[in-house]
């Protein structure tokens, strides 16, 4: 039912729309959010990262997720969001599965994510697919966002 699409500059407005929606629903946009969602090509693609989109046959682009390069083989799973009109349709789970099939060849040293305790459903999803809470990741990368109080590392 869903089709997964690699980043193209024409899809940048969807990256912005979907991420702005979920972040402002729960938090306030931080400067790092504004930069990344406003110019994903510069902040993710040009630095060696990847972005994927989930396309629904009738609703269009309904989800997105990125891997942002931190160093060789070390990537942050970031800006994963699902449009409100597609929530409850398993988009997040299917998108995460798609990204995790690509991740081992990309994030061969470490794949991690930063989130907030308020994102309970997302944390449960991440745990289901092999992410574990990690104090080392929190210490190394947790200060990237004011709202970050959960750090997780993918255990293959």
C-alpha atoms as a PDB file:
ATOM      1  CA  UNK A   1       0.000   0.000   0.000  1.00  0.00           C
ATOM      2  CA  UNK A   2       2.833   2.423   0.777  1.00  0.00           C
ATOM      3  CA  UNK A   3       5.643   3.264  -1.595  1.00  0.00           C
ATOM      4  CA  UNK A   4       9.000   4.411  -0.237  1.00  0.00           C
ATOM      5  CA  UNK A   5      10.821   7.142  -2.124  1.00  0.00           C
ATOM      6  CA  UNK A   6      14.374   8.451  -1.782  1.00  0.00           C
ATOM      7  CA  UNK A   7      14.913  12.161  -1.304  1.00  0.00           C
ATOM      8  CA  UNK A   8      14.609  14.524  -4.245  1.00  0.00           C
ATOM      9  CA  UNK A   9      14.680  18.335  -3.942  1.00  0.00           C
ATOM     10  CA  UNK A  10      11.031  18.481  -5.059  1.00  0.00           C
ATOM     11  CA  UNK A  11      10.073  16.545  -1.912  1.00  0.00           C
ATOM     12  CA  UNK A  12      11.696  19.027   0.512  1.00  0.00           C
ATOM     13  CA  UNK A  13       8.375  20.857   1.157  1.00  0.00           C
ATOM     14  CA  UNK A  14       6.885  17.573   2.430  1.00  0.00           C
ATOM     15  CA  UNK A  15       9.836  17.074   4.775  1.00  0.00           C
ATOM     16  CA  UNK A  16       9.204  20.569   6.129  1.00  0.00           C
ATOM     17  CA  UNK A  17       5.404  20.161   6.399  1.00  0.00           C
ATOM     18  CA  UNK A  18       5.391  16.783   8.141  1.00  0.00           C
ATOM     19  CA  UNK A  19       8.141  17.620  10.621  1.00  0.00           C
ATOM     20  CA  UNK A  20       6.800  21.083  11.437  1.00  0.00           C
ATOM     21  CA  UNK A  21       3.406  19.542  12.174  1.00  0.00           C
ATOM     22  CA  UNK A  22       4.504  16.862  14.634  1.00  0.00           C
ATOM     23  CA  UNK A  23       7.147  18.976  16.380  1.00  0.00           C
ATOM     24  CA  UNK A  24       4.823  21.952  16.958  1.00  0.00           C
ATOM     25  CA  UNK A  25       2.037  19.605  18.115  1.00  0.00           C
ATOM     26  CA  UNK A  26       4.215  18.457  21.024  1.00  0.00           C
ATOM     27  CA  UNK A  27       7.078  20.938  21.446  1.00  0.00           C
ATOM     28  CA  UNK A  28       8.438  24.202  20.167  1.00  0.00           C
ATOM     29  CA  UNK A  29      10.682  24.354  17.139  1.00  0.00           C
ATOM     30  CA  UNK A  30      14.309  24.823  18.101  1.00  0.00           C
ATOM     31  CA  UNK A  31      16.874  26.552  15.875  1.00  0.00           C
ATOM     32  CA  UNK A  32      18.303  23.163  14.857  1.00  0.00           C
ATOM     33  CA  UNK A  33      14.806  22.051  13.765  1.00  0.00           C
ATOM     34  CA  UNK A  34      14.289  25.200  11.703  1.00  0.00           C
ATOM     35  CA  UNK A  35      17.617  24.717   9.963  1.00  0.00           C
ATOM     36  CA  UNK A  36      17.190  21.037   9.189  1.00  0.00           C
ATOM     37  CA  UNK A  37      13.540  21.053   8.116  1.00  0.00           C
ATOM     38  CA  UNK A  38      13.995  24.319   6.226  1.00  0.00           C
ATOM     39  CA  UNK A  39      16.943  23.069   4.201  1.00  0.00           C
ATOM     40  CA  UNK A  40      17.235  19.267   4.383  1.00  0.00           C
ATOM     41  CA  UNK A  41      19.431  19.149   1.303  1.00  0.00           C
ATOM     42  CA  UNK A  42      22.107  21.284   2.988  1.00  0.00           C
ATOM     43  CA  UNK A  43      21.902  19.815   6.491  1.00  0.00           C
ATOM     44  CA  UNK A  44      21.277  16.140   5.685  1.00  0.00           C
ATOM     45  CA  UNK A  45      21.956  15.208   2.060  1.00  0.00           C
ATOM     46  CA  UNK A  46      25.075  17.320   1.403  1.00  0.00           C
ATOM     47  CA  UNK A  47      26.698  16.079   4.614  1.00  0.00           C
ATOM     48  CA  UNK A  48      26.296  12.420   3.595  1.00  0.00           C
ATOM     49  CA  UNK A  49      22.866  11.654   5.031  1.00  0.00           C
ATOM     50  CA  UNK A  50      19.723  10.121   3.588  1.00  0.00           C
ATOM     51  CA  UNK A  51      16.009  10.932   3.609  1.00  0.00           C
ATOM     52  CA  UNK A  52      13.091   8.678   2.728  1.00  0.00           C
ATOM     53  CA  UNK A  53       9.412   9.382   2.227  1.00  0.00           C
ATOM     54  CA  UNK A  54       6.328   7.200   2.532  1.00  0.00           C
ATOM     55  CA  UNK A  55       3.780   7.758  -0.221  1.00  0.00           C
ATOM     56  CA  UNK A  56       0.185   6.612   0.178  1.00  0.00           C
ATOM     57  CA  UNK A  57      -1.733   5.869  -3.059  1.00  0.00           C
ATOM     58  CA  UNK A  58      -4.489   8.388  -2.334  1.00  0.00           C
ATOM     59  CA  UNK A  59      -3.091  10.663   0.379  1.00  0.00           C
ATOM     60  CA  UNK A  60       0.296  11.324  -1.239  1.00  0.00           C
ATOM     61  CA  UNK A  61       3.421  11.862   0.890  1.00  0.00           C
ATOM     62  CA  UNK A  62       2.438  10.988   4.464  1.00  0.00           C
ATOM     63  CA  UNK A  63       5.703  10.184   6.222  1.00  0.00           C
ATOM     64  CA  UNK A  64       9.399  10.911   6.289  1.00  0.00           C
ATOM     65  CA  UNK A  65      12.550   9.812   8.081  1.00  0.00           C
ATOM     66  CA  UNK A  66      16.208  10.765   7.808  1.00  0.00           C
ATOM     67  CA  UNK A  67      19.606   9.425   8.708  1.00  0.00           C
ATOM     68  CA  UNK A  68      21.908  12.331   9.522  1.00  0.00           C
ATOM     69  CA  UNK A  69      25.634  11.643   9.325  1.00  0.00           C
ATOM     70  CA  UNK A  70      27.588  12.457  12.481  1.00  0.00           C
ATOM     71  CA  UNK A  71      30.855  10.806  11.463  1.00  0.00           C
ATOM     72  CA  UNK A  72      31.953   7.894   9.278  1.00  0.00           C
ATOM     73  CA  UNK A  73      29.484   5.077   9.889  1.00  0.00           C
ATOM     74  CA  UNK A  74      27.707   6.964  12.698  1.00  0.00           C
ATOM     75  CA  UNK A  75      24.209   8.264  11.934  1.00  0.00           C
ATOM     76  CA  UNK A  76      21.305   9.745  13.829  1.00  0.00           C
ATOM     77  CA  UNK A  77      17.836   8.546  12.900  1.00  0.00           C
ATOM     78  CA  UNK A  78      16.033  11.871  12.917  1.00  0.00           C
ATOM     79  CA  UNK A  79      13.019  13.843  11.751  1.00  0.00           C
ATOM     80  CA  UNK A  80      10.781  10.793  11.557  1.00  0.00           C
ATOM     81  CA  UNK A  81       7.205  11.934  11.284  1.00  0.00           C
ATOM     82  CA  UNK A  82       3.815  10.930   9.971  1.00  0.00           C
ATOM     83  CA  UNK A  83       1.233  13.408   8.715  1.00  0.00           C
ATOM     84  CA  UNK A  84      -1.813  13.687  10.968  1.00  0.00           C
ATOM     85  CA  UNK A  85      -4.172  12.434   8.250  1.00  0.00           C
ATOM     86  CA  UNK A  86      -2.243   9.150   8.079  1.00  0.00           C
ATOM     87  CA  UNK A  87      -1.748   8.413  11.774  1.00  0.00           C
ATOM     88  CA  UNK A  88      -3.119   5.065  12.845  1.00  0.00           C
ATOM     89  CA  UNK A  89      -2.381   3.552   9.424  1.00  0.00           C
ATOM     90  CA  UNK A  90       0.904   1.844  10.449  1.00  0.00           C
ATOM     91  CA  UNK A  91       2.945   4.331   8.389  1.00  0.00           C
ATOM     92  CA  UNK A  92       5.526   4.918  11.123  1.00  0.00           C
ATOM     93  CA  UNK A  93       6.172   1.220  11.612  1.00  0.00           C
ATOM     94  CA  UNK A  94       6.476   0.480   7.892  1.00  0.00           C
ATOM     95  CA  UNK A  95       8.689   3.509   7.308  1.00  0.00           C
ATOM     96  CA  UNK A  96      10.973   2.558  10.200  1.00  0.00           C
ATOM     97  CA  UNK A  97      11.238  -1.008   8.847  1.00  0.00           C
ATOM     98  CA  UNK A  98      12.197   0.397   5.437  1.00  0.00           C
ATOM     99  CA  UNK A  99      14.882   2.655   6.938  1.00  0.00           C
ATOM    100  CA  UNK A 100      16.270  -0.166   9.083  1.00  0.00           C
ATOM    101  CA  UNK A 101      16.721  -2.373   5.997  1.00  0.00           C
ATOM    102  CA  UNK A 102      18.951   0.365   4.523  1.00  0.00           C
ATOM    103  CA  UNK A 103      20.725   1.367   7.751  1.00  0.00           C
ATOM    104  CA  UNK A 104      23.280  -1.466   8.170  1.00  0.00           C
ATOM    105  CA  UNK A 105      25.153  -0.445   5.012  1.00  0.00           C
ATOM    106  CA  UNK A 106      25.033   3.238   6.007  1.00  0.00           C
ATOM    107  CA  UNK A 107      25.305   3.378   9.797  1.00  0.00           C
ATOM    108  CA  UNK A 108      27.719   0.485  10.105  1.00  0.00           C
ATOM    109  CA  UNK A 109      29.357   1.764  13.300  1.00  0.00           C
ATOM    110  CA  UNK A 110      26.379   3.219  15.172  1.00  0.00           C
ATOM    111  CA  UNK A 111      22.757   4.172  14.583  1.00  0.00           C
ATOM    112  CA  UNK A 112      21.098   6.207  17.308  1.00  0.00           C
ATOM    113  CA  UNK A 113      18.182   8.518  17.958  1.00  0.00           C
ATOM    114  CA  UNK A 114      17.290  11.305  20.338  1.00  0.00           C
ATOM    115  CA  UNK A 115      13.763  11.880  21.583  1.00  0.00           C
ATOM    116  CA  UNK A 116      11.630  12.919  24.533  1.00  0.00           C
ATOM    117  CA  UNK A 117       9.680  10.897  27.112  1.00  0.00           C
ATOM    118  CA  UNK A 118       6.473  12.555  25.857  1.00  0.00           C
ATOM    119  CA  UNK A 119       6.861  10.563  22.616  1.00  0.00           C
ATOM    120  CA  UNK A 120       5.720   7.324  24.291  1.00  0.00           C
ATOM    121  CA  UNK A 121       4.281   5.689  21.177  1.00  0.00           C
ATOM    122  CA  UNK A 122       7.435   6.409  19.185  1.00  0.00           C
ATOM    123  CA  UNK A 123       9.680   5.093  21.974  1.00  0.00           C
ATOM    124  CA  UNK A 124       7.647   1.883  22.103  1.00  0.00           C
ATOM    125  CA  UNK A 125       8.013   1.535  18.314  1.00  0.00           C
ATOM    126  CA  UNK A 126      11.770   2.089  18.507  1.00  0.00           C
ATOM    127  CA  UNK A 127      12.100  -0.504  21.288  1.00  0.00           C
ATOM    128  CA  UNK A 128      10.052  -2.973  19.243  1.00  0.00           C
ATOM    129  CA  UNK A 129      12.514  -2.672  16.362  1.00  0.00           C
ATOM    130  CA  UNK A 130      15.723  -3.036  18.339  1.00  0.00           C
ATOM    131  CA  UNK A 131      16.609   0.341  19.833  1.00  0.00           C
ATOM    132  CA  UNK A 132      17.781   0.320  23.446  1.00  0.00           C
ATOM    133  CA  UNK A 133      18.193   3.216  25.874  1.00  0.00           C
ATOM    134  CA  UNK A 134      21.820   4.321  26.006  1.00  0.00           C
ATOM    135  CA  UNK A 135      23.511   6.638  28.511  1.00  0.00           C
ATOM    136  CA  UNK A 136      26.626   6.930  26.321  1.00  0.00           C
ATOM    137  CA  UNK A 137      24.588   8.262  23.384  1.00  0.00           C
ATOM    138  CA  UNK A 138      22.848  10.705  25.737  1.00  0.00           C
ATOM    139  CA  UNK A 139      26.186  12.003  26.988  1.00  0.00           C
ATOM    140  CA  UNK A 140      27.704  12.285  23.505  1.00  0.00           C
ATOM    141  CA  UNK A 141      24.751  13.662  21.529  1.00  0.00           C
ATOM    142  CA  UNK A 142      21.866  14.484  23.885  1.00  0.00           C
ATOM    143  CA  UNK A 143      22.614  18.188  24.066  1.00  0.00           C
ATOM    144  CA  UNK A 144      21.714  18.608  20.377  1.00  0.00           C
ATOM    145  CA  UNK A 145      18.097  19.423  21.385  1.00  0.00           C
ATOM    146  CA  UNK A 146      16.771  21.144  24.497  1.00  0.00           C
ATOM    147  CA  UNK A 147      13.846  18.704  24.545  1.00  0.00           C
ATOM    148  CA  UNK A 148      16.039  15.584  24.446  1.00  0.00           C
ATOM    149  CA  UNK A 149      15.726  13.402  27.535  1.00  0.00           C
ATOM    150  CA  UNK A 150      15.873   9.982  25.843  1.00  0.00           C
ATOM    151  CA  UNK A 151      18.730   8.580  23.758  1.00  0.00           C
ATOM    152  CA  UNK A 152      18.615   5.165  22.109  1.00  0.00           C
ATOM    153  CA  UNK A 153      21.059   3.056  20.124  1.00  0.00           C
ATOM    154  CA  UNK A 154      20.117   0.428  17.552  1.00  0.00           C
ATOM    155  CA  UNK A 155      21.177  -3.092  18.488  1.00  0.00           C
ATOM    156  CA  UNK A 156      21.145  -5.254  15.351  1.00  0.00           C
END
